[in-house]
mmCIF file of all heavy atoms, coordinates in Angstrom:
data_MODEL
# 
_entry.id   MODEL 
# 
loop_
_atom_site.group_PDB 
_atom_site.id 
_atom_site.type_symbol 
_atom_site.label_atom_id 
_atom_site.label_alt_id 
_atom_site.label_comp_id 
_atom_site.label_asym_id 
_atom_site.label_entity_id 
_atom_site.label_seq_id 
_atom_site.pdbx_PDB_ins_code 
_atom_site.Cartn_x 
_atom_site.Cartn_y 
_atom_site.Cartn_z 
_atom_site.occupancy 
_atom_site.B_iso_or_equiv 
_atom_site.pdbx_formal_charge 
_atom_site.auth_seq_id 
_atom_site.auth_comp_id 
_atom_site.auth_asym_id 
_atom_site.auth_atom_id 
_atom_site.pdbx_PDB_model_num 
ATOM 1   N N   . SER A 1 1  ? -163.997 -147.359 40.050 1.00 0.00 ? 1  SER A N   1 
ATOM 2   C CA  . SER A 1 1  ? -164.714 -146.103 40.289 1.00 0.00 ? 1  SER A CA  1 
ATOM 3   C C   . SER A 1 1  ? -164.010 -145.133 41.231 1.00 0.00 ? 1  SER A C   1 
ATOM 4   O O   . SER A 1 1  ? -164.614 -144.156 41.660 1.00 0.00 ? 1  SER A O   1 
ATOM 5   C CB  . SER A 1 1  ? -166.113 -146.407 40.851 1.00 0.00 ? 1  SER A CB  1 
ATOM 6   O OG  . SER A 1 1  ? -166.883 -147.129 39.921 1.00 0.00 ? 1  SER A OG  1 
ATOM 7   N N   . PHE A 1 2  ? -162.756 -145.380 41.544 1.00 0.00 ? 2  PHE A N   1 
ATOM 8   C CA  . PHE A 1 2  ? -162.058 -144.481 42.454 1.00 0.00 ? 2  PHE A CA  1 
ATOM 9   C C   . PHE A 1 2  ? -161.830 -143.125 41.786 1.00 0.00 ? 2  PHE A C   1 
ATOM 10  O O   . PHE A 1 2  ? -161.432 -143.045 40.632 1.00 0.00 ? 2  PHE A O   1 
ATOM 11  C CB  . PHE A 1 2  ? -160.733 -145.085 42.902 1.00 0.00 ? 2  PHE A CB  1 
ATOM 12  C CG  . PHE A 1 2  ? -160.894 -146.298 43.776 1.00 0.00 ? 2  PHE A CG  1 
ATOM 13  C CD1 . PHE A 1 2  ? -160.740 -147.576 43.264 1.00 0.00 ? 2  PHE A CD1 1 
ATOM 14  C CD2 . PHE A 1 2  ? -161.238 -146.145 45.113 1.00 0.00 ? 2  PHE A CD2 1 
ATOM 15  C CE1 . PHE A 1 2  ? -160.917 -148.687 44.058 1.00 0.00 ? 2  PHE A CE1 1 
ATOM 16  C CE2 . PHE A 1 2  ? -161.413 -147.268 45.924 1.00 0.00 ? 2  PHE A CE2 1 
ATOM 17  C CZ  . PHE A 1 2  ? -161.248 -148.537 45.399 1.00 0.00 ? 2  PHE A CZ  1 
ATOM 18  N N   . VAL A 1 3  ? -162.100 -142.072 42.536 1.00 0.00 ? 3  VAL A N   1 
ATOM 19  C CA  . VAL A 1 3  ? -161.982 -140.709 42.021 1.00 0.00 ? 3  VAL A CA  1 
ATOM 20  C C   . VAL A 1 3  ? -160.542 -140.229 42.156 1.00 0.00 ? 3  VAL A C   1 
ATOM 21  O O   . VAL A 1 3  ? -159.892 -140.443 43.181 1.00 0.00 ? 3  VAL A O   1 
ATOM 22  C CB  . VAL A 1 3  ? -162.926 -139.760 42.790 1.00 0.00 ? 3  VAL A CB  1 
ATOM 23  C CG1 . VAL A 1 3  ? -162.754 -138.320 42.316 1.00 0.00 ? 3  VAL A CG1 1 
ATOM 24  C CG2 . VAL A 1 3  ? -164.372 -140.225 42.636 1.00 0.00 ? 3  VAL A CG2 1 
ATOM 25  N N   . VAL A 1 4  ? -160.037 -139.593 41.116 1.00 0.00 ? 4  VAL A N   1 
ATOM 26  C CA  . VAL A 1 4  ? -158.698 -139.015 41.141 1.00 0.00 ? 4  VAL A CA  1 
ATOM 27  C C   . VAL A 1 4  ? -158.770 -137.663 41.851 1.00 0.00 ? 4  VAL A C   1 
ATOM 28  O O   . VAL A 1 4  ? -159.402 -136.729 41.361 1.00 0.00 ? 4  VAL A O   1 
ATOM 29  C CB  . VAL A 1 4  ? -158.132 -138.838 39.719 1.00 0.00 ? 4  VAL A CB  1 
ATOM 30  C CG1 . VAL A 1 4  ? -156.762 -138.167 39.774 1.00 0.00 ? 4  VAL A CG1 1 
ATOM 31  C CG2 . VAL A 1 4  ? -158.040 -140.191 39.017 1.00 0.00 ? 4  VAL A CG2 1 
ATOM 32  N N   . ARG A 1 5  ? -158.117 -137.560 42.996 1.00 0.00 ? 5  ARG A N   1 
ATOM 33  C CA  . ARG A 1 5  ? -158.166 -136.328 43.790 1.00 0.00 ? 5  ARG A CA  1 
ATOM 34  C C   . ARG A 1 5  ? -157.073 -135.345 43.390 1.00 0.00 ? 5  ARG A C   1 
ATOM 35  O O   . ARG A 1 5  ? -157.219 -134.148 43.577 1.00 0.00 ? 5  ARG A O   1 
ATOM 36  C CB  . ARG A 1 5  ? -158.022 -136.673 45.281 1.00 0.00 ? 5  ARG A CB  1 
ATOM 37  C CG  . ARG A 1 5  ? -159.123 -137.591 45.819 1.00 0.00 ? 5  ARG A CG  1 
ATOM 38  C CD  . ARG A 1 5  ? -160.486 -136.943 45.732 1.00 0.00 ? 5  ARG A CD  1 
ATOM 39  N NE  . ARG A 1 5  ? -161.519 -137.815 46.325 1.00 0.00 ? 5  ARG A NE  1 
ATOM 40  C CZ  . ARG A 1 5  ? -162.820 -137.563 46.259 1.00 0.00 ? 5  ARG A CZ  1 
ATOM 41  N NH1 . ARG A 1 5  ? -163.242 -136.469 45.638 1.00 0.00 ? 5  ARG A NH1 1 
ATOM 42  N NH2 . ARG A 1 5  ? -163.695 -138.389 46.803 1.00 0.00 ? 5  ARG A NH2 1 
ATOM 43  N N   . GLN A 1 6  ? -155.956 -135.855 42.872 1.00 0.00 ? 6  GLN A N   1 
ATOM 44  C CA  . GLN A 1 6  ? -154.839 -134.987 42.484 1.00 0.00 ? 6  GLN A CA  1 
ATOM 45  C C   . GLN A 1 6  ? -154.558 -135.211 41.002 1.00 0.00 ? 6  GLN A C   1 
ATOM 46  O O   . GLN A 1 6  ? -153.796 -136.101 40.617 1.00 0.00 ? 6  GLN A O   1 
ATOM 47  C CB  . GLN A 1 6  ? -153.599 -135.312 43.316 1.00 0.00 ? 6  GLN A CB  1 
ATOM 48  C CG  . GLN A 1 6  ? -153.798 -135.091 44.813 1.00 0.00 ? 6  GLN A CG  1 
ATOM 49  C CD  . GLN A 1 6  ? -152.682 -135.713 45.630 1.00 0.00 ? 6  GLN A CD  1 
ATOM 50  O OE1 . GLN A 1 6  ? -152.377 -136.887 45.499 1.00 0.00 ? 6  GLN A OE1 1 
ATOM 51  N NE2 . GLN A 1 6  ? -152.071 -134.895 46.475 1.00 0.00 ? 6  GLN A NE2 1 
ATOM 52  N N   . SER A 1 7  ? -155.168 -134.388 40.162 1.00 0.00 ? 7  SER A N   1 
ATOM 53  C CA  . SER A 1 7  ? -155.099 -134.609 38.715 1.00 0.00 ? 7  SER A CA  1 
ATOM 54  C C   . SER A 1 7  ? -153.727 -134.323 38.130 1.00 0.00 ? 7  SER A C   1 
ATOM 55  O O   . SER A 1 7  ? -153.442 -134.708 36.991 1.00 0.00 ? 7  SER A O   1 
ATOM 56  C CB  . SER A 1 7  ? -156.143 -133.734 38.009 1.00 0.00 ? 7  SER A CB  1 
ATOM 57  O OG  . SER A 1 7  ? -155.916 -132.365 38.302 1.00 0.00 ? 7  SER A OG  1 
ATOM 58  N N   . ASN A 1 8  ? -152.853 -133.655 38.878 1.00 0.00 ? 8  ASN A N   1 
ATOM 59  C CA  . ASN A 1 8  ? -151.544 -133.298 38.330 1.00 0.00 ? 8  ASN A CA  1 
ATOM 60  C C   . ASN A 1 8  ? -150.504 -134.411 38.499 1.00 0.00 ? 8  ASN A C   1 
ATOM 61  O O   . ASN A 1 8  ? -149.340 -134.230 38.148 1.00 0.00 ? 8  ASN A O   1 
ATOM 62  C CB  . ASN A 1 8  ? -151.030 -132.012 38.985 1.00 0.00 ? 8  ASN A CB  1 
ATOM 63  C CG  . ASN A 1 8  ? -150.876 -132.139 40.495 1.00 0.00 ? 8  ASN A CG  1 
ATOM 64  O OD1 . ASN A 1 8  ? -151.463 -133.021 41.111 1.00 0.00 ? 8  ASN A OD1 1 
ATOM 65  N ND2 . ASN A 1 8  ? -150.095 -131.248 41.086 1.00 0.00 ? 8  ASN A ND2 1 
ATOM 66  N N   . ARG A 1 9  ? -150.890 -135.553 39.040 1.00 0.00 ? 9  ARG A N   1 
ATOM 67  C CA  . ARG A 1 9  ? -149.961 -136.667 39.184 1.00 0.00 ? 9  ARG A CA  1 
ATOM 68  C C   . ARG A 1 9  ? -149.670 -137.318 37.833 1.00 0.00 ? 9  ARG A C   1 
ATOM 69  O O   . ARG A 1 9  ? -150.559 -137.465 37.001 1.00 0.00 ? 9  ARG A O   1 
ATOM 70  C CB  . ARG A 1 9  ? -150.546 -137.730 40.118 1.00 0.00 ? 9  ARG A CB  1 
ATOM 71  C CG  . ARG A 1 9  ? -150.427 -137.383 41.596 1.00 0.00 ? 9  ARG A CG  1 
ATOM 72  C CD  . ARG A 1 9  ? -150.935 -138.525 42.457 1.00 0.00 ? 9  ARG A CD  1 
ATOM 73  N NE  . ARG A 1 9  ? -152.393 -138.579 42.473 1.00 0.00 ? 9  ARG A NE  1 
ATOM 74  C CZ  . ARG A 1 9  ? -153.107 -139.674 42.252 1.00 0.00 ? 9  ARG A CZ  1 
ATOM 75  N NH1 . ARG A 1 9  ? -152.518 -140.806 41.939 1.00 0.00 ? 9  ARG A NH1 1 
ATOM 76  N NH2 . ARG A 1 9  ? -154.418 -139.636 42.306 1.00 0.00 ? 9  ARG A NH2 1 
ATOM 77  N N   . SER A 1 10 ? -148.428 -137.751 37.629 1.00 0.00 ? 10 SER A N   1 
ATOM 78  C CA  . SER A 1 10 ? -148.066 -138.436 36.388 1.00 0.00 ? 10 SER A CA  1 
ATOM 79  C C   . SER A 1 10 ? -148.693 -139.825 36.326 1.00 0.00 ? 10 SER A C   1 
ATOM 80  O O   . SER A 1 10 ? -149.170 -140.260 35.282 1.00 0.00 ? 10 SER A O   1 
ATOM 81  C CB  . SER A 1 10 ? -146.538 -138.548 36.277 1.00 0.00 ? 10 SER A CB  1 
ATOM 82  O OG  . SER A 1 10 ? -145.943 -137.272 36.208 1.00 0.00 ? 10 SER A OG  1 
ATOM 83  N N   . PHE A 1 11 ? -148.703 -140.531 37.441 1.00 0.00 ? 11 PHE A N   1 
ATOM 84  C CA  . PHE A 1 11 ? -149.276 -141.880 37.497 1.00 0.00 ? 11 PHE A CA  1 
ATOM 85  C C   . PHE A 1 11 ? -150.501 -141.873 38.389 1.00 0.00 ? 11 PHE A C   1 
ATOM 86  O O   . PHE A 1 11 ? -150.465 -141.402 39.525 1.00 0.00 ? 11 PHE A O   1 
ATOM 87  C CB  . PHE A 1 11 ? -148.248 -142.873 38.033 1.00 0.00 ? 11 PHE A CB  1 
ATOM 88  C CG  . PHE A 1 11 ? -148.805 -144.260 38.240 1.00 0.00 ? 11 PHE A CG  1 
ATOM 89  C CD1 . PHE A 1 11 ? -149.231 -145.024 37.159 1.00 0.00 ? 11 PHE A CD1 1 
ATOM 90  C CD2 . PHE A 1 11 ? -148.926 -144.787 39.522 1.00 0.00 ? 11 PHE A CD2 1 
ATOM 91  C CE1 . PHE A 1 11 ? -149.755 -146.297 37.350 1.00 0.00 ? 11 PHE A CE1 1 
ATOM 92  C CE2 . PHE A 1 11 ? -149.444 -146.061 39.715 1.00 0.00 ? 11 PHE A CE2 1 
ATOM 93  C CZ  . PHE A 1 11 ? -149.855 -146.812 38.626 1.00 0.00 ? 11 PHE A CZ  1 
ATOM 94  N N   . LYS A 1 12 ? -151.604 -142.393 37.869 1.00 0.00 ? 12 LYS A N   1 
ATOM 95  C CA  . LYS A 1 12 ? -152.857 -142.422 38.614 1.00 0.00 ? 12 LYS A CA  1 
ATOM 96  C C   . LYS A 1 12 ? -153.223 -143.880 38.901 1.00 0.00 ? 12 LYS A C   1 
ATOM 97  O O   . LYS A 1 12 ? -153.689 -144.606 38.018 1.00 0.00 ? 12 LYS A O   1 
ATOM 98  C CB  . LYS A 1 12 ? -153.963 -141.718 37.821 1.00 0.00 ? 12 LYS A CB  1 
ATOM 99  C CG  . LYS A 1 12 ? -153.662 -140.243 37.552 1.00 0.00 ? 12 LYS A CG  1 
ATOM 100 C CD  . LYS A 1 12 ? -154.758 -139.596 36.734 1.00 0.00 ? 12 LYS A CD  1 
ATOM 101 C CE  . LYS A 1 12 ? -154.507 -138.101 36.555 1.00 0.00 ? 12 LYS A CE  1 
ATOM 102 N NZ  . LYS A 1 12 ? -153.283 -137.828 35.776 1.00 0.00 ? 12 LYS A NZ  1 
ATOM 103 N N   . THR A 1 13 ? -153.015 -144.283 40.137 1.00 0.00 ? 13 THR A N   1 
ATOM 104 C CA  . THR A 1 13 ? -153.333 -145.651 40.549 1.00 0.00 ? 13 THR A CA  1 
ATOM 105 C C   . THR A 1 13 ? -154.796 -145.983 40.260 1.00 0.00 ? 13 THR A C   1 
ATOM 106 O O   . THR A 1 13 ? -155.139 -147.123 39.934 1.00 0.00 ? 13 THR A O   1 
ATOM 107 C CB  . THR A 1 13 ? -153.061 -145.830 42.062 1.00 0.00 ? 13 THR A CB  1 
ATOM 108 O OG1 . THR A 1 13 ? -151.777 -145.318 42.374 1.00 0.00 ? 13 THR A OG1 1 
ATOM 109 C CG2 . THR A 1 13 ? -153.151 -147.285 42.461 1.00 0.00 ? 13 THR A CG2 1 
ATOM 110 N N   . GLU A 1 14 ? -155.651 -144.969 40.367 1.00 0.00 ? 14 GLU A N   1 
ATOM 111 C CA  . GLU A 1 14 ? -157.092 -145.177 40.176 1.00 0.00 ? 14 GLU A CA  1 
ATOM 112 C C   . GLU A 1 14 ? -157.437 -145.667 38.775 1.00 0.00 ? 14 GLU A C   1 
ATOM 113 O O   . GLU A 1 14 ? -158.516 -146.218 38.546 1.00 0.00 ? 14 GLU A O   1 
ATOM 114 C CB  . GLU A 1 14 ? -157.845 -143.862 40.450 1.00 0.00 ? 14 GLU A CB  1 
ATOM 115 C CG  . GLU A 1 14 ? -157.658 -143.308 41.851 1.00 0.00 ? 14 GLU A CG  1 
ATOM 116 C CD  . GLU A 1 14 ? -156.431 -142.411 41.986 1.00 0.00 ? 14 GLU A CD  1 
ATOM 117 O OE1 . GLU A 1 14 ? -155.580 -142.403 41.066 1.00 0.00 ? 14 GLU A OE1 1 
ATOM 118 O OE2 . GLU A 1 14 ? -156.335 -141.724 43.014 1.00 0.00 ? 14 GLU A OE2 1 
ATOM 119 N N   . TYR A 1 15 ? -156.527 -145.460 37.817 1.00 0.00 ? 15 TYR A N   1 
ATOM 120 C CA  . TYR A 1 15 ? -156.802 -145.840 36.430 1.00 0.00 ? 15 TYR A CA  1 
ATOM 121 C C   . TYR A 1 15 ? -156.313 -147.248 36.087 1.00 0.00 ? 15 TYR A C   1 
ATOM 122 O O   . TYR A 1 15 ? -156.602 -147.739 34.990 1.00 0.00 ? 15 TYR A O   1 
ATOM 123 C CB  . TYR A 1 15 ? -156.125 -144.851 35.471 1.00 0.00 ? 15 TYR A CB  1 
ATOM 124 C CG  . TYR A 1 15 ? -156.800 -143.497 35.385 1.00 0.00 ? 15 TYR A CG  1 
ATOM 125 C CD1 . TYR A 1 15 ? -156.202 -142.460 34.663 1.00 0.00 ? 15 TYR A CD1 1 
ATOM 126 C CD2 . TYR A 1 15 ? -158.012 -143.238 36.012 1.00 0.00 ? 15 TYR A CD2 1 
ATOM 127 C CE1 . TYR A 1 15 ? -156.811 -141.213 34.569 1.00 0.00 ? 15 TYR A CE1 1 
ATOM 128 C CE2 . TYR A 1 15 ? -158.605 -142.000 35.937 1.00 0.00 ? 15 TYR A CE2 1 
ATOM 129 C CZ  . TYR A 1 15 ? -158.004 -140.983 35.207 1.00 0.00 ? 15 TYR A CZ  1 
ATOM 130 O OH  . TYR A 1 15 ? -158.600 -139.754 35.117 1.00 0.00 ? 15 TYR A OH  1 
ATOM 131 N N   . VAL A 1 16 ? -155.576 -147.897 36.982 1.00 0.00 ? 16 VAL A N   1 
ATOM 132 C CA  . VAL A 1 16 ? -154.997 -149.208 36.654 1.00 0.00 ? 16 VAL A CA  1 
ATOM 133 C C   . VAL A 1 16 ? -156.081 -150.232 36.322 1.00 0.00 ? 16 VAL A C   1 
ATOM 134 O O   . VAL A 1 16 ? -156.051 -150.876 35.267 1.00 0.00 ? 16 VAL A O   1 
ATOM 135 C CB  . VAL A 1 16 ? -154.108 -149.721 37.806 1.00 0.00 ? 16 VAL A CB  1 
ATOM 136 C CG1 . VAL A 1 16 ? -153.691 -151.173 37.542 1.00 0.00 ? 16 VAL A CG1 1 
ATOM 137 C CG2 . VAL A 1 16 ? -152.874 -148.845 37.958 1.00 0.00 ? 16 VAL A CG2 1 
ATOM 138 N N   . ILE A 1 17 ? -157.056 -150.386 37.212 1.00 0.00 ? 17 ILE A N   1 
ATOM 139 C CA  . ILE A 1 17 ? -158.112 -151.388 36.991 1.00 0.00 ? 17 ILE A CA  1 
ATOM 140 C C   . ILE A 1 17 ? -158.956 -151.060 35.760 1.00 0.00 ? 17 ILE A C   1 
ATOM 141 O O   . ILE A 1 17 ? -159.158 -151.932 34.903 1.00 0.00 ? 17 ILE A O   1 
ATOM 142 C CB  . ILE A 1 17 ? -158.990 -151.544 38.246 1.00 0.00 ? 17 ILE A CB  1 
ATOM 143 C CG1 . ILE A 1 17 ? -158.180 -152.145 39.395 1.00 0.00 ? 17 ILE A CG1 1 
ATOM 144 C CG2 . ILE A 1 17 ? -160.219 -152.420 37.949 1.00 0.00 ? 17 ILE A CG2 1 
ATOM 145 C CD1 . ILE A 1 17 ? -157.646 -153.535 39.132 1.00 0.00 ? 17 ILE A CD1 1 
ATOM 146 N N   . PRO A 1 18 ? -159.483 -149.822 35.609 1.00 0.00 ? 18 PRO A N   1 
ATOM 147 C CA  . PRO A 1 18 ? -160.283 -149.547 34.410 1.00 0.00 ? 18 PRO A CA  1 
ATOM 148 C C   . PRO A 1 18 ? -159.497 -149.703 33.110 1.00 0.00 ? 18 PRO A C   1 
ATOM 149 O O   . PRO A 1 18 ? -160.059 -150.128 32.098 1.00 0.00 ? 18 PRO A O   1 
ATOM 150 C CB  . PRO A 1 18 ? -160.769 -148.111 34.603 1.00 0.00 ? 18 PRO A CB  1 
ATOM 151 C CG  . PRO A 1 18 ? -159.963 -147.545 35.705 1.00 0.00 ? 18 PRO A CG  1 
ATOM 152 C CD  . PRO A 1 18 ? -159.537 -148.687 36.561 1.00 0.00 ? 18 PRO A CD  1 
ATOM 153 N N   . GLN A 1 19 ? -158.219 -149.394 33.126 1.00 0.00 ? 19 GLN A N   1 
ATOM 154 C CA  . GLN A 1 19 ? -157.431 -149.580 31.900 1.00 0.00 ? 19 GLN A CA  1 
ATOM 155 C C   . GLN A 1 19 ? -157.219 -151.051 31.590 1.00 0.00 ? 19 GLN A C   1 
ATOM 156 O O   . GLN A 1 19 ? -157.231 -151.451 30.423 1.00 0.00 ? 19 GLN A O   1 
ATOM 157 C CB  . GLN A 1 19 ? -156.096 -148.839 32.021 1.00 0.00 ? 19 GLN A CB  1 
ATOM 158 C CG  . GLN A 1 19 ? -156.257 -147.326 31.950 1.00 0.00 ? 19 GLN A CG  1 
ATOM 159 C CD  . GLN A 1 19 ? -154.957 -146.574 32.120 1.00 0.00 ? 19 GLN A CD  1 
ATOM 160 O OE1 . GLN A 1 19 ? -153.913 -147.166 32.397 1.00 0.00 ? 19 GLN A OE1 1 
ATOM 161 N NE2 . GLN A 1 19 ? -155.003 -145.254 31.966 1.00 0.00 ? 19 GLN A NE2 1 
ATOM 162 N N   . LEU A 1 20 ? -157.068 -151.881 32.625 1.00 0.00 ? 20 LEU A N   1 
ATOM 163 C CA  . LEU A 1 20 ? -157.006 -153.327 32.410 1.00 0.00 ? 20 LEU A CA  1 
ATOM 164 C C   . LEU A 1 20 ? -158.344 -153.849 31.887 1.00 0.00 ? 20 LEU A C   1 
ATOM 165 O O   . LEU A 1 20 ? -158.389 -154.744 31.039 1.00 0.00 ? 20 LEU A O   1 
ATOM 166 C CB  . LEU A 1 20 ? -156.642 -154.041 33.718 1.00 0.00 ? 20 LEU A CB  1 
ATOM 167 C CG  . LEU A 1 20 ? -155.198 -153.888 34.206 1.00 0.00 ? 20 LEU A CG  1 
ATOM 168 C CD1 . LEU A 1 20 ? -155.041 -154.518 35.590 1.00 0.00 ? 20 LEU A CD1 1 
ATOM 169 C CD2 . LEU A 1 20 ? -154.219 -154.533 33.216 1.00 0.00 ? 20 LEU A CD2 1 
ATOM 170 N N   . ILE A 1 21 ? -159.442 -153.269 32.382 1.00 0.00 ? 21 ILE A N   1 
ATOM 171 C CA  . ILE A 1 21 ? -160.772 -153.638 31.881 1.00 0.00 ? 21 ILE A CA  1 
ATOM 172 C C   . ILE A 1 21 ? -160.884 -153.307 30.406 1.00 0.00 ? 21 ILE A C   1 
ATOM 173 O O   . ILE A 1 21 ? -161.369 -154.110 29.599 1.00 0.00 ? 21 ILE A O   1 
ATOM 174 C CB  . ILE A 1 21 ? -161.865 -152.892 32.683 1.00 0.00 ? 21 ILE A CB  1 
ATOM 175 C CG1 . ILE A 1 21 ? -161.943 -153.425 34.113 1.00 0.00 ? 21 ILE A CG1 1 
ATOM 176 C CG2 . ILE A 1 21 ? -163.227 -153.032 31.997 1.00 0.00 ? 21 ILE A CG2 1 
ATOM 177 C CD1 . ILE A 1 21 ? -162.874 -152.628 35.014 1.00 0.00 ? 21 ILE A CD1 1 
ATOM 178 N N   . MET A 1 22 ? -160.418 -152.114 30.030 1.00 0.00 ? 22 MET A N   1 
ATOM 179 C CA  . MET A 1 22 ? -160.475 -151.708 28.621 1.00 0.00 ? 22 MET A CA  1 
ATOM 180 C C   . MET A 1 22 ? -159.688 -152.658 27.732 1.00 0.00 ? 22 MET A C   1 
ATOM 181 O O   . MET A 1 22 ? -160.180 -153.098 26.687 1.00 0.00 ? 22 MET A O   1 
ATOM 182 C CB  . MET A 1 22 ? -159.935 -150.280 28.480 1.00 0.00 ? 22 MET A CB  1 
ATOM 183 C CG  . MET A 1 22 ? -159.949 -149.720 27.050 1.00 0.00 ? 22 MET A CG  1 
ATOM 184 S SD  . MET A 1 22 ? -158.500 -150.167 26.043 1.00 0.00 ? 22 MET A SD  1 
ATOM 185 C CE  . MET A 1 22 ? -157.226 -149.229 26.881 1.00 0.00 ? 22 MET A CE  1 
ATOM 186 N N   . LEU A 1 23 ? -158.477 -153.003 28.144 1.00 0.00 ? 23 LEU A N   1 
ATOM 187 C CA  . LEU A 1 23 ? -157.640 -153.888 27.336 1.00 0.00 ? 23 LEU A CA  1 
ATOM 188 C C   . LEU A 1 23 ? -158.282 -155.267 27.198 1.00 0.00 ? 23 LEU A C   1 
ATOM 189 O O   . LEU A 1 23 ? -158.285 -155.861 26.111 1.00 0.00 ? 23 LEU A O   1 
ATOM 190 C CB  . LEU A 1 23 ? -156.251 -154.009 27.966 1.00 0.00 ? 23 LEU A CB  1 
ATOM 191 C CG  . LEU A 1 23 ? -155.384 -152.743 27.924 1.00 0.00 ? 23 LEU A CG  1 
ATOM 192 C CD1 . LEU A 1 23 ? -154.118 -152.927 28.763 1.00 0.00 ? 23 LEU A CD1 1 
ATOM 193 C CD2 . LEU A 1 23 ? -155.020 -152.392 26.482 1.00 0.00 ? 23 LEU A CD2 1 
ATOM 194 N N   . ALA A 1 24 ? -158.850 -155.779 28.302 1.00 0.00 ? 24 ALA A N   1 
ATOM 195 C CA  . ALA A 1 24 ? -159.485 -157.091 28.267 1.00 0.00 ? 24 ALA A CA  1 
ATOM 196 C C   . ALA A 1 24 ? -160.754 -157.075 27.421 1.00 0.00 ? 24 ALA A C   1 
ATOM 197 O O   . ALA A 1 24 ? -160.984 -157.974 26.596 1.00 0.00 ? 24 ALA A O   1 
ATOM 198 C CB  . ALA A 1 24 ? -159.806 -157.545 29.691 1.00 0.00 ? 24 ALA A CB  1 
ATOM 199 N N   . ALA A 1 25 ? -161.597 -156.058 27.610 1.00 0.00 ? 25 ALA A N   1 
ATOM 200 C CA  . ALA A 1 25 ? -162.848 -155.961 26.850 1.00 0.00 ? 25 ALA A CA  1 
ATOM 201 C C   . ALA A 1 25 ? -162.567 -155.809 25.362 1.00 0.00 ? 25 ALA A C   1 
ATOM 202 O O   . ALA A 1 25 ? -163.264 -156.389 24.516 1.00 0.00 ? 25 ALA A O   1 
ATOM 203 C CB  . ALA A 1 25 ? -163.680 -154.786 27.360 1.00 0.00 ? 25 ALA A CB  1 
ATOM 204 N N   . ASN A 1 26 ? -161.556 -155.042 25.027 1.00 0.00 ? 26 ASN A N   1 
ATOM 205 C CA  . ASN A 1 26 ? -161.163 -154.864 23.627 1.00 0.00 ? 26 ASN A CA  1 
ATOM 206 C C   . ASN A 1 26 ? -160.717 -156.185 23.025 1.00 0.00 ? 26 ASN A C   1 
ATOM 207 O O   . ASN A 1 26 ? -161.096 -156.540 21.903 1.00 0.00 ? 26 ASN A O   1 
ATOM 208 C CB  . ASN A 1 26 ? -160.044 -153.819 23.550 1.00 0.00 ? 26 ASN A CB  1 
ATOM 209 C CG  . ASN A 1 26 ? -159.840 -153.293 22.144 1.00 0.00 ? 26 ASN A CG  1 
ATOM 210 O OD1 . ASN A 1 26 ? -160.598 -153.599 21.230 1.00 0.00 ? 26 ASN A OD1 1 
ATOM 211 N ND2 . ASN A 1 26 ? -158.806 -152.497 21.956 1.00 0.00 ? 26 ASN A ND2 1 
ATOM 212 N N   . GLU A 1 27 ? -159.924 -156.932 23.770 1.00 0.00 ? 27 GLU A N   1 
ATOM 213 C CA  . GLU A 1 27 ? -159.430 -158.220 23.280 1.00 0.00 ? 27 GLU A CA  1 
ATOM 214 C C   . GLU A 1 27 ? -160.559 -159.232 23.144 1.00 0.00 ? 27 GLU A C   1 
ATOM 215 O O   . GLU A 1 27 ? -160.482 -160.145 22.315 1.00 0.00 ? 27 GLU A O   1 
ATOM 216 C CB  . GLU A 1 27 ? -158.348 -158.753 24.218 1.00 0.00 ? 27 GLU A CB  1 
ATOM 217 C CG  . GLU A 1 27 ? -157.552 -159.909 23.633 1.00 0.00 ? 27 GLU A CG  1 
ATOM 218 C CD  . GLU A 1 27 ? -156.319 -160.252 24.440 1.00 0.00 ? 27 GLU A CD  1 
ATOM 219 O OE1 . GLU A 1 27 ? -155.840 -159.384 25.198 1.00 0.00 ? 27 GLU A OE1 1 
ATOM 220 O OE2 . GLU A 1 27 ? -155.834 -161.387 24.308 1.00 0.00 ? 27 GLU A OE2 1 
# 
């Protein structure tokens, strides 16, 4: 649930966990 404060960044650390959740839930 971490909020992205700087949307212009190429890499968003805040998305690492939710994207891992998506990959796991999909599998």
